[in-house]
N, C-alpha and C. Protein backbone atom coordinates (compact mmCIF):
# COMPACT_ATOMS: atom_id res chain seq x y z
N UNK A 1 -37.00 -30.64 -12.78
CA UNK A 1 -37.04 -29.64 -13.83
C UNK A 1 -37.80 -28.43 -13.29
N UNK A 2 -37.28 -27.27 -13.55
CA UNK A 2 -37.93 -26.06 -13.07
C UNK A 2 -39.17 -25.75 -13.89
N UNK A 3 -40.02 -24.89 -13.33
CA UNK A 3 -41.24 -24.49 -14.04
C UNK A 3 -40.90 -23.83 -15.36
N UNK A 4 -39.89 -22.96 -15.36
CA UNK A 4 -39.49 -22.29 -16.59
C UNK A 4 -39.05 -23.30 -17.65
N UNK A 5 -38.26 -24.29 -17.24
CA UNK A 5 -37.79 -25.30 -18.20
C UNK A 5 -38.96 -26.11 -18.76
N UNK A 6 -39.94 -26.43 -17.91
CA UNK A 6 -41.11 -27.16 -18.38
C UNK A 6 -41.92 -26.33 -19.37
N UNK A 7 -42.08 -25.05 -19.06
CA UNK A 7 -42.81 -24.17 -19.97
C UNK A 7 -42.09 -24.06 -21.31
N UNK A 8 -40.77 -23.90 -21.25
CA UNK A 8 -39.99 -23.78 -22.49
C UNK A 8 -40.09 -25.07 -23.31
N UNK A 9 -40.01 -26.23 -22.64
CA UNK A 9 -40.11 -27.50 -23.35
C UNK A 9 -41.50 -27.67 -23.97
N UNK A 10 -42.53 -27.26 -23.23
CA UNK A 10 -43.90 -27.36 -23.76
C UNK A 10 -44.08 -26.46 -24.97
N UNK A 11 -43.57 -25.24 -24.90
CA UNK A 11 -43.69 -24.31 -26.02
C UNK A 11 -42.95 -24.85 -27.25
N UNK A 12 -41.79 -25.44 -27.02
CA UNK A 12 -41.02 -26.00 -28.13
C UNK A 12 -41.77 -27.17 -28.76
N UNK A 13 -42.36 -28.03 -27.93
CA UNK A 13 -43.12 -29.16 -28.44
C UNK A 13 -44.32 -28.69 -29.26
N UNK A 14 -45.05 -27.69 -28.77
CA UNK A 14 -46.20 -27.15 -29.51
C UNK A 14 -45.74 -26.60 -30.86
N UNK A 15 -44.61 -25.93 -30.88
CA UNK A 15 -44.07 -25.40 -32.13
C UNK A 15 -43.72 -26.49 -33.12
N UNK A 16 -43.14 -27.59 -32.63
CA UNK A 16 -42.81 -28.70 -33.52
C UNK A 16 -44.06 -29.35 -34.08
N UNK A 17 -45.06 -29.54 -33.23
CA UNK A 17 -46.31 -30.15 -33.70
C UNK A 17 -46.95 -29.28 -34.76
N UNK A 18 -47.00 -27.98 -34.52
CA UNK A 18 -47.60 -27.07 -35.50
C UNK A 18 -46.81 -27.07 -36.81
N UNK A 19 -45.48 -27.10 -36.71
CA UNK A 19 -44.65 -27.06 -37.91
C UNK A 19 -44.75 -28.35 -38.71
N UNK A 20 -44.99 -29.46 -38.03
CA UNK A 20 -45.02 -30.75 -38.72
C UNK A 20 -46.40 -31.14 -39.21
N UNK A 21 -47.43 -30.46 -38.73
CA UNK A 21 -48.78 -30.82 -39.15
C UNK A 21 -49.08 -30.21 -40.52
N UNK A 22 -49.98 -30.82 -41.29
CA UNK A 22 -50.31 -30.29 -42.62
C UNK A 22 -50.84 -28.87 -42.51
N UNK A 23 -50.25 -27.97 -43.30
CA UNK A 23 -50.68 -26.58 -43.32
C UNK A 23 -50.33 -25.83 -42.07
N UNK A 24 -49.38 -26.35 -41.29
CA UNK A 24 -49.10 -25.76 -39.98
C UNK A 24 -47.87 -24.90 -39.92
N UNK A 25 -47.61 -24.04 -40.80
CA UNK A 25 -46.52 -23.08 -40.66
C UNK A 25 -45.15 -23.68 -40.80
N UNK A 26 -45.05 -24.94 -41.24
CA UNK A 26 -43.75 -25.56 -41.37
C UNK A 26 -43.18 -25.41 -42.76
N UNK A 27 -43.73 -24.54 -43.56
CA UNK A 27 -43.20 -24.39 -44.91
C UNK A 27 -42.78 -22.95 -45.14
N UNK A 28 -41.74 -22.84 -45.91
CA UNK A 28 -41.24 -21.51 -46.26
C UNK A 28 -41.86 -21.09 -47.57
N UNK A 29 -41.20 -20.20 -48.28
CA UNK A 29 -41.73 -19.73 -49.55
C UNK A 29 -41.71 -20.86 -50.56
N UNK A 30 -42.72 -20.91 -51.40
CA UNK A 30 -42.80 -21.93 -52.43
C UNK A 30 -43.28 -23.27 -51.91
N UNK A 31 -43.71 -23.35 -50.67
CA UNK A 31 -44.24 -24.59 -50.13
C UNK A 31 -43.17 -25.57 -49.69
N UNK A 32 -41.88 -25.23 -49.79
CA UNK A 32 -40.83 -26.14 -49.35
C UNK A 32 -40.78 -26.15 -47.83
N UNK A 33 -40.58 -27.33 -47.22
CA UNK A 33 -40.54 -27.40 -45.77
C UNK A 33 -39.38 -26.59 -45.21
N UNK A 34 -39.63 -25.88 -44.13
CA UNK A 34 -38.58 -25.13 -43.46
C UNK A 34 -37.87 -26.05 -42.48
N UNK A 35 -36.60 -25.81 -42.24
CA UNK A 35 -35.84 -26.61 -41.27
C UNK A 35 -36.31 -26.27 -39.87
N UNK A 36 -36.53 -27.29 -39.01
CA UNK A 36 -36.90 -27.00 -37.64
C UNK A 36 -35.76 -26.27 -36.95
N UNK A 37 -36.09 -25.43 -35.99
CA UNK A 37 -35.06 -24.66 -35.32
C UNK A 37 -35.15 -24.84 -33.82
N UNK A 38 -34.00 -24.65 -33.17
CA UNK A 38 -33.92 -24.71 -31.71
C UNK A 38 -33.18 -23.48 -31.24
N UNK A 39 -33.81 -22.66 -30.48
CA UNK A 39 -33.14 -21.52 -29.88
C UNK A 39 -32.99 -20.32 -30.79
N UNK A 40 -33.43 -20.39 -32.00
CA UNK A 40 -33.32 -19.24 -32.89
C UNK A 40 -33.41 -19.68 -34.34
N UNK A 41 -33.75 -18.73 -35.18
CA UNK A 41 -33.96 -19.04 -36.59
C UNK A 41 -32.70 -19.50 -37.30
N UNK A 42 -31.53 -19.18 -36.75
CA UNK A 42 -30.29 -19.54 -37.43
C UNK A 42 -29.67 -20.82 -36.88
N UNK A 43 -30.35 -21.55 -35.99
CA UNK A 43 -29.79 -22.75 -35.40
C UNK A 43 -30.69 -23.96 -35.68
N UNK A 44 -30.50 -24.65 -36.82
CA UNK A 44 -31.33 -25.82 -37.09
C UNK A 44 -31.07 -26.94 -36.09
N UNK A 45 -32.09 -27.72 -35.81
CA UNK A 45 -31.95 -28.86 -34.91
C UNK A 45 -31.15 -29.93 -35.63
N UNK A 46 -30.08 -30.44 -34.98
CA UNK A 46 -29.29 -31.47 -35.66
C UNK A 46 -30.05 -32.78 -35.74
N UNK A 47 -29.86 -33.49 -36.83
CA UNK A 47 -30.41 -34.83 -36.98
C UNK A 47 -29.58 -35.75 -36.08
N UNK A 48 -30.21 -36.49 -35.14
CA UNK A 48 -29.44 -37.33 -34.22
C UNK A 48 -28.54 -38.33 -34.93
N UNK A 49 -28.89 -38.75 -36.13
CA UNK A 49 -28.05 -39.70 -36.85
C UNK A 49 -26.80 -39.03 -37.41
N UNK A 50 -26.77 -37.69 -37.43
CA UNK A 50 -25.62 -36.97 -37.97
C UNK A 50 -24.66 -36.50 -36.88
N UNK A 51 -25.01 -36.67 -35.60
CA UNK A 51 -24.14 -36.24 -34.52
C UNK A 51 -22.94 -37.16 -34.43
N UNK A 52 -21.76 -36.57 -34.34
CA UNK A 52 -20.55 -37.36 -34.30
C UNK A 52 -20.39 -38.02 -32.93
N UNK A 53 -19.95 -39.25 -32.92
CA UNK A 53 -19.69 -39.99 -31.69
C UNK A 53 -18.18 -40.06 -31.50
N UNK A 54 -17.72 -39.59 -30.34
CA UNK A 54 -16.29 -39.58 -30.04
C UNK A 54 -15.95 -40.66 -29.02
N UNK A 55 -14.74 -41.18 -29.12
CA UNK A 55 -14.23 -42.13 -28.13
C UNK A 55 -13.57 -41.34 -27.00
N UNK A 56 -13.28 -42.03 -25.91
CA UNK A 56 -12.54 -41.41 -24.79
C UNK A 56 -11.21 -40.86 -25.32
N UNK A 57 -10.55 -41.64 -26.16
CA UNK A 57 -9.25 -41.23 -26.69
C UNK A 57 -9.36 -39.99 -27.58
N UNK A 58 -10.39 -39.93 -28.42
CA UNK A 58 -10.57 -38.77 -29.32
C UNK A 58 -10.87 -37.50 -28.52
N UNK A 59 -11.75 -37.60 -27.54
CA UNK A 59 -12.07 -36.42 -26.71
C UNK A 59 -10.83 -35.96 -25.94
N UNK A 60 -10.10 -36.91 -25.38
CA UNK A 60 -8.90 -36.57 -24.61
C UNK A 60 -7.83 -35.92 -25.49
N UNK A 61 -7.69 -36.42 -26.70
CA UNK A 61 -6.70 -35.86 -27.63
C UNK A 61 -7.00 -34.40 -27.96
N UNK A 62 -8.28 -34.03 -27.97
CA UNK A 62 -8.66 -32.64 -28.27
C UNK A 62 -8.09 -31.66 -27.25
N UNK A 63 -7.77 -32.15 -26.06
CA UNK A 63 -7.23 -31.27 -25.01
C UNK A 63 -5.82 -31.68 -24.62
N UNK A 64 -5.16 -32.44 -25.49
CA UNK A 64 -3.76 -32.77 -25.29
C UNK A 64 -3.48 -33.83 -24.24
N UNK A 65 -4.32 -34.83 -24.15
CA UNK A 65 -4.16 -35.85 -23.12
C UNK A 65 -4.23 -37.25 -23.73
N UNK A 66 -3.41 -38.15 -23.21
CA UNK A 66 -3.53 -39.57 -23.52
C UNK A 66 -4.12 -40.21 -22.27
N UNK A 67 -5.40 -40.63 -22.35
CA UNK A 67 -6.10 -41.06 -21.13
C UNK A 67 -5.62 -42.41 -20.61
N UNK A 68 -5.73 -42.56 -19.28
CA UNK A 68 -5.55 -43.87 -18.65
C UNK A 68 -6.96 -44.45 -18.48
N UNK A 69 -7.25 -45.51 -19.19
CA UNK A 69 -8.59 -46.10 -19.17
C UNK A 69 -8.83 -46.73 -17.80
N UNK A 70 -9.94 -46.31 -17.18
CA UNK A 70 -10.34 -46.81 -15.86
C UNK A 70 -11.45 -47.85 -15.97
N UNK A 71 -12.40 -47.63 -16.89
CA UNK A 71 -13.52 -48.54 -17.11
C UNK A 71 -13.61 -48.79 -18.61
N UNK A 72 -13.68 -50.07 -18.98
CA UNK A 72 -13.78 -50.42 -20.39
C UNK A 72 -14.88 -51.47 -20.55
N UNK A 73 -16.12 -51.02 -20.38
CA UNK A 73 -17.29 -51.90 -20.50
C UNK A 73 -18.01 -51.61 -21.81
N UNK A 74 -18.97 -52.44 -22.14
CA UNK A 74 -19.69 -52.27 -23.40
C UNK A 74 -20.49 -50.97 -23.43
N UNK A 75 -21.14 -50.61 -22.31
CA UNK A 75 -22.03 -49.45 -22.30
C UNK A 75 -21.38 -48.17 -21.78
N UNK A 76 -20.19 -48.25 -21.19
CA UNK A 76 -19.49 -47.06 -20.70
C UNK A 76 -17.99 -47.29 -20.73
N UNK A 77 -17.28 -46.23 -21.11
CA UNK A 77 -15.81 -46.22 -21.02
C UNK A 77 -15.43 -44.96 -20.28
N UNK A 78 -14.45 -45.08 -19.39
CA UNK A 78 -13.99 -43.93 -18.60
C UNK A 78 -12.48 -43.87 -18.66
N UNK A 79 -11.98 -42.66 -18.93
CA UNK A 79 -10.54 -42.43 -18.93
C UNK A 79 -10.18 -41.29 -18.01
N UNK A 80 -9.02 -41.41 -17.36
CA UNK A 80 -8.50 -40.36 -16.47
C UNK A 80 -7.48 -39.55 -17.25
N UNK A 81 -7.56 -38.23 -17.12
CA UNK A 81 -6.62 -37.34 -17.78
C UNK A 81 -6.07 -36.32 -16.80
N UNK A 82 -4.84 -35.91 -17.07
CA UNK A 82 -4.23 -34.81 -16.32
C UNK A 82 -3.48 -33.95 -17.32
N UNK A 83 -3.89 -32.67 -17.41
CA UNK A 83 -3.24 -31.72 -18.32
C UNK A 83 -2.87 -30.47 -17.53
N UNK A 84 -2.39 -29.47 -18.24
CA UNK A 84 -2.07 -28.19 -17.59
C UNK A 84 -3.31 -27.55 -16.96
N UNK A 85 -4.49 -27.91 -17.46
CA UNK A 85 -5.75 -27.37 -16.93
C UNK A 85 -6.16 -28.04 -15.62
N UNK A 86 -5.71 -29.29 -15.42
CA UNK A 86 -6.05 -30.02 -14.21
C UNK A 86 -6.41 -31.47 -14.52
N UNK A 87 -7.00 -32.13 -13.52
CA UNK A 87 -7.37 -33.54 -13.64
C UNK A 87 -8.86 -33.65 -13.94
N UNK A 88 -9.21 -34.67 -14.76
CA UNK A 88 -10.61 -34.87 -15.11
C UNK A 88 -10.83 -36.29 -15.60
N UNK A 89 -12.10 -36.70 -15.63
CA UNK A 89 -12.51 -38.00 -16.14
C UNK A 89 -13.37 -37.80 -17.36
N UNK A 90 -13.09 -38.56 -18.41
CA UNK A 90 -13.86 -38.53 -19.65
C UNK A 90 -14.66 -39.83 -19.72
N UNK A 91 -15.97 -39.71 -19.87
CA UNK A 91 -16.85 -40.88 -19.98
C UNK A 91 -17.53 -40.87 -21.34
N UNK A 92 -17.56 -42.02 -22.00
CA UNK A 92 -18.34 -42.17 -23.22
C UNK A 92 -19.33 -43.31 -23.03
N UNK A 93 -20.45 -43.22 -23.75
CA UNK A 93 -21.56 -44.16 -23.55
C UNK A 93 -21.99 -44.76 -24.87
N UNK A 94 -22.55 -45.96 -24.79
CA UNK A 94 -23.03 -46.66 -25.97
C UNK A 94 -24.20 -45.94 -26.61
N UNK A 95 -25.03 -45.26 -25.78
CA UNK A 95 -26.19 -44.55 -26.29
C UNK A 95 -26.49 -43.33 -25.42
N UNK A 96 -27.34 -42.45 -25.93
CA UNK A 96 -27.79 -41.29 -25.14
C UNK A 96 -28.57 -41.78 -23.91
N UNK A 97 -29.33 -42.85 -24.08
CA UNK A 97 -30.08 -43.40 -22.94
C UNK A 97 -29.14 -43.85 -21.83
N UNK A 98 -28.05 -44.53 -22.19
CA UNK A 98 -27.06 -44.94 -21.19
C UNK A 98 -26.48 -43.72 -20.48
N UNK A 99 -26.20 -42.67 -21.25
CA UNK A 99 -25.67 -41.44 -20.64
C UNK A 99 -26.68 -40.83 -19.68
N UNK A 100 -27.95 -40.77 -20.08
CA UNK A 100 -28.99 -40.20 -19.22
C UNK A 100 -29.14 -40.98 -17.92
N UNK A 101 -29.12 -42.32 -18.01
CA UNK A 101 -29.23 -43.15 -16.81
C UNK A 101 -28.05 -42.88 -15.89
N UNK A 102 -26.86 -42.81 -16.45
CA UNK A 102 -25.66 -42.55 -15.66
C UNK A 102 -25.75 -41.17 -14.99
N UNK A 103 -26.17 -40.17 -15.76
CA UNK A 103 -26.23 -38.81 -15.23
C UNK A 103 -27.30 -38.68 -14.15
N UNK A 104 -28.39 -39.44 -14.27
CA UNK A 104 -29.42 -39.40 -13.23
C UNK A 104 -28.89 -39.92 -11.90
N UNK A 105 -27.88 -40.77 -11.95
CA UNK A 105 -27.30 -41.33 -10.73
C UNK A 105 -26.08 -40.56 -10.25
N UNK A 106 -25.57 -39.65 -11.07
CA UNK A 106 -24.37 -38.89 -10.71
C UNK A 106 -24.71 -37.88 -9.61
N UNK A 107 -23.75 -37.61 -8.72
CA UNK A 107 -24.01 -36.62 -7.67
C UNK A 107 -24.32 -35.26 -8.27
N UNK A 108 -25.40 -34.65 -7.82
CA UNK A 108 -25.85 -33.36 -8.36
C UNK A 108 -24.90 -32.22 -8.03
N UNK A 109 -24.06 -32.38 -7.03
CA UNK A 109 -23.18 -31.29 -6.65
C UNK A 109 -21.92 -31.24 -7.51
N UNK A 110 -21.69 -32.23 -8.36
CA UNK A 110 -20.53 -32.22 -9.24
C UNK A 110 -20.89 -31.65 -10.60
N UNK A 111 -20.19 -30.62 -11.04
CA UNK A 111 -20.47 -30.10 -12.39
C UNK A 111 -19.99 -31.09 -13.45
N UNK A 112 -20.63 -31.06 -14.60
CA UNK A 112 -20.29 -31.92 -15.72
C UNK A 112 -20.23 -31.08 -16.99
N UNK A 113 -19.37 -31.49 -17.89
CA UNK A 113 -19.37 -30.99 -19.25
C UNK A 113 -20.00 -32.11 -20.07
N UNK A 114 -21.00 -31.78 -20.89
CA UNK A 114 -21.80 -32.82 -21.52
C UNK A 114 -21.86 -32.61 -23.03
N UNK A 115 -21.75 -33.70 -23.75
CA UNK A 115 -21.89 -33.69 -25.20
C UNK A 115 -22.69 -34.91 -25.64
N UNK A 116 -22.71 -35.16 -26.94
CA UNK A 116 -23.45 -36.30 -27.50
C UNK A 116 -22.75 -37.59 -27.09
N UNK A 117 -23.38 -38.33 -26.18
CA UNK A 117 -22.90 -39.62 -25.69
C UNK A 117 -21.60 -39.53 -24.92
N UNK A 118 -21.32 -38.37 -24.31
CA UNK A 118 -20.14 -38.25 -23.45
C UNK A 118 -20.35 -37.23 -22.34
N UNK A 119 -19.57 -37.38 -21.27
CA UNK A 119 -19.51 -36.40 -20.18
C UNK A 119 -18.06 -36.29 -19.73
N UNK A 120 -17.73 -35.15 -19.14
CA UNK A 120 -16.44 -34.95 -18.50
C UNK A 120 -16.71 -34.44 -17.10
N UNK A 121 -16.05 -35.00 -16.11
CA UNK A 121 -16.23 -34.61 -14.72
C UNK A 121 -14.93 -34.02 -14.19
N UNK A 122 -15.04 -32.92 -13.49
CA UNK A 122 -13.90 -32.29 -12.84
C UNK A 122 -14.41 -31.11 -12.03
N UNK A 123 -13.47 -30.26 -11.63
CA UNK A 123 -13.85 -29.02 -10.94
C UNK A 123 -14.40 -28.05 -11.97
N UNK A 124 -15.15 -27.09 -11.50
CA UNK A 124 -15.74 -26.09 -12.39
C UNK A 124 -14.65 -25.34 -13.16
N UNK A 125 -13.56 -25.03 -12.52
CA UNK A 125 -12.46 -24.31 -13.17
C UNK A 125 -11.90 -25.11 -14.35
N UNK A 126 -11.68 -26.40 -14.16
CA UNK A 126 -11.15 -27.25 -15.23
C UNK A 126 -12.18 -27.38 -16.36
N UNK A 127 -13.45 -27.60 -16.00
CA UNK A 127 -14.48 -27.75 -17.02
C UNK A 127 -14.63 -26.50 -17.87
N UNK A 128 -14.50 -25.34 -17.26
CA UNK A 128 -14.57 -24.09 -18.04
C UNK A 128 -13.43 -24.01 -19.04
N UNK A 129 -12.25 -24.50 -18.67
CA UNK A 129 -11.10 -24.49 -19.59
C UNK A 129 -11.29 -25.49 -20.73
N UNK A 130 -11.99 -26.60 -20.47
CA UNK A 130 -12.18 -27.64 -21.48
C UNK A 130 -13.40 -27.42 -22.36
N UNK A 131 -14.30 -26.54 -21.92
CA UNK A 131 -15.59 -26.33 -22.61
C UNK A 131 -15.39 -25.97 -24.08
N UNK A 132 -14.51 -25.04 -24.38
CA UNK A 132 -14.28 -24.60 -25.76
C UNK A 132 -13.74 -25.71 -26.65
N UNK A 133 -12.60 -26.31 -26.28
CA UNK A 133 -12.03 -27.35 -27.15
C UNK A 133 -12.94 -28.57 -27.34
N UNK A 134 -13.74 -28.91 -26.32
CA UNK A 134 -14.61 -30.08 -26.43
C UNK A 134 -15.99 -29.75 -26.97
N UNK A 135 -16.33 -28.46 -26.99
CA UNK A 135 -17.63 -28.01 -27.48
C UNK A 135 -18.78 -28.69 -26.72
N UNK A 136 -18.67 -28.66 -25.39
CA UNK A 136 -19.70 -29.27 -24.55
C UNK A 136 -20.55 -28.24 -23.85
N UNK A 137 -21.64 -28.72 -23.24
CA UNK A 137 -22.52 -27.87 -22.45
C UNK A 137 -22.19 -28.07 -20.98
N UNK A 138 -22.05 -26.98 -20.26
CA UNK A 138 -21.73 -27.04 -18.84
C UNK A 138 -23.01 -27.23 -18.04
N UNK A 139 -23.08 -28.29 -17.26
CA UNK A 139 -24.23 -28.59 -16.40
C UNK A 139 -23.76 -28.47 -14.96
N UNK A 140 -24.34 -27.52 -14.23
CA UNK A 140 -23.92 -27.30 -12.86
C UNK A 140 -24.78 -28.04 -11.84
N UNK A 141 -26.10 -28.01 -11.99
CA UNK A 141 -26.98 -28.63 -11.01
C UNK A 141 -27.84 -29.71 -11.63
N UNK A 142 -28.79 -29.32 -12.45
CA UNK A 142 -29.69 -30.27 -13.09
C UNK A 142 -29.00 -30.79 -14.34
N UNK A 143 -28.66 -32.06 -14.35
CA UNK A 143 -27.87 -32.61 -15.44
C UNK A 143 -28.59 -32.67 -16.77
N UNK A 144 -29.91 -32.48 -16.79
CA UNK A 144 -30.67 -32.56 -18.03
C UNK A 144 -30.77 -31.22 -18.74
N UNK A 145 -30.33 -30.14 -18.11
CA UNK A 145 -30.46 -28.82 -18.73
C UNK A 145 -29.12 -28.11 -18.70
N UNK A 146 -28.91 -27.25 -19.66
CA UNK A 146 -27.71 -26.43 -19.69
C UNK A 146 -27.76 -25.43 -18.55
N UNK A 147 -26.60 -25.03 -18.07
CA UNK A 147 -26.54 -24.00 -17.05
C UNK A 147 -26.87 -22.66 -17.67
N UNK A 148 -27.61 -21.82 -16.95
CA UNK A 148 -27.96 -20.52 -17.53
C UNK A 148 -26.73 -19.66 -17.75
N UNK A 149 -26.76 -18.92 -18.81
CA UNK A 149 -25.69 -17.99 -19.12
C UNK A 149 -26.05 -16.62 -18.57
N UNK A 150 -25.08 -15.84 -18.11
CA UNK A 150 -25.39 -14.50 -17.61
C UNK A 150 -26.02 -13.65 -18.71
N UNK A 151 -27.02 -12.88 -18.34
CA UNK A 151 -27.69 -11.99 -19.29
C UNK A 151 -26.78 -10.83 -19.64
N UNK A 152 -26.85 -10.40 -20.87
CA UNK A 152 -26.08 -9.23 -21.29
C UNK A 152 -26.86 -7.98 -20.86
N UNK A 153 -26.15 -6.96 -20.40
CA UNK A 153 -26.84 -5.72 -20.00
C UNK A 153 -27.52 -5.08 -21.19
N UNK A 154 -28.60 -4.38 -20.94
CA UNK A 154 -29.30 -3.64 -22.00
C UNK A 154 -28.35 -2.64 -22.62
N UNK A 155 -28.44 -2.48 -23.90
CA UNK A 155 -27.57 -1.53 -24.59
C UNK A 155 -26.28 -2.17 -25.06
N UNK A 156 -26.05 -3.49 -24.77
CA UNK A 156 -24.88 -4.19 -25.26
C UNK A 156 -23.58 -3.81 -24.60
N UNK A 157 -23.59 -3.33 -23.39
CA UNK A 157 -22.35 -2.93 -22.71
C UNK A 157 -21.55 -4.12 -22.33
């Protein structure tokens, strides 16, 4: 993890602690608790129990593919797909922990598209085409963090 990522994570943790402690800025007008936010005031942190879990087949269908199942184990399922965008593998996991363990062992030079309890592996070109329909985060190097987005020029050009 880079120094910047560690600093950002520490700042976020301090903010959560302050918001959750009694009298700690976690309430809006009228004393009602404010929703925790991630990345901005308009993006509430999702409750992990509310995140949708997709199967290999459901993710593949979103991009027009009927997968050929390669691995069908209790903790991981993998399907191979080939569409007009290219070839890719869709992996789903029993838990986020299983996904994290798998990603820690994955080659760092392979880009991944990552979502809640799933990953997709392919070339960067294919992953960029699948990113929108699958609503995943593109991970290029460090699998635990999103890839940085290019900064917009000053003045909104």
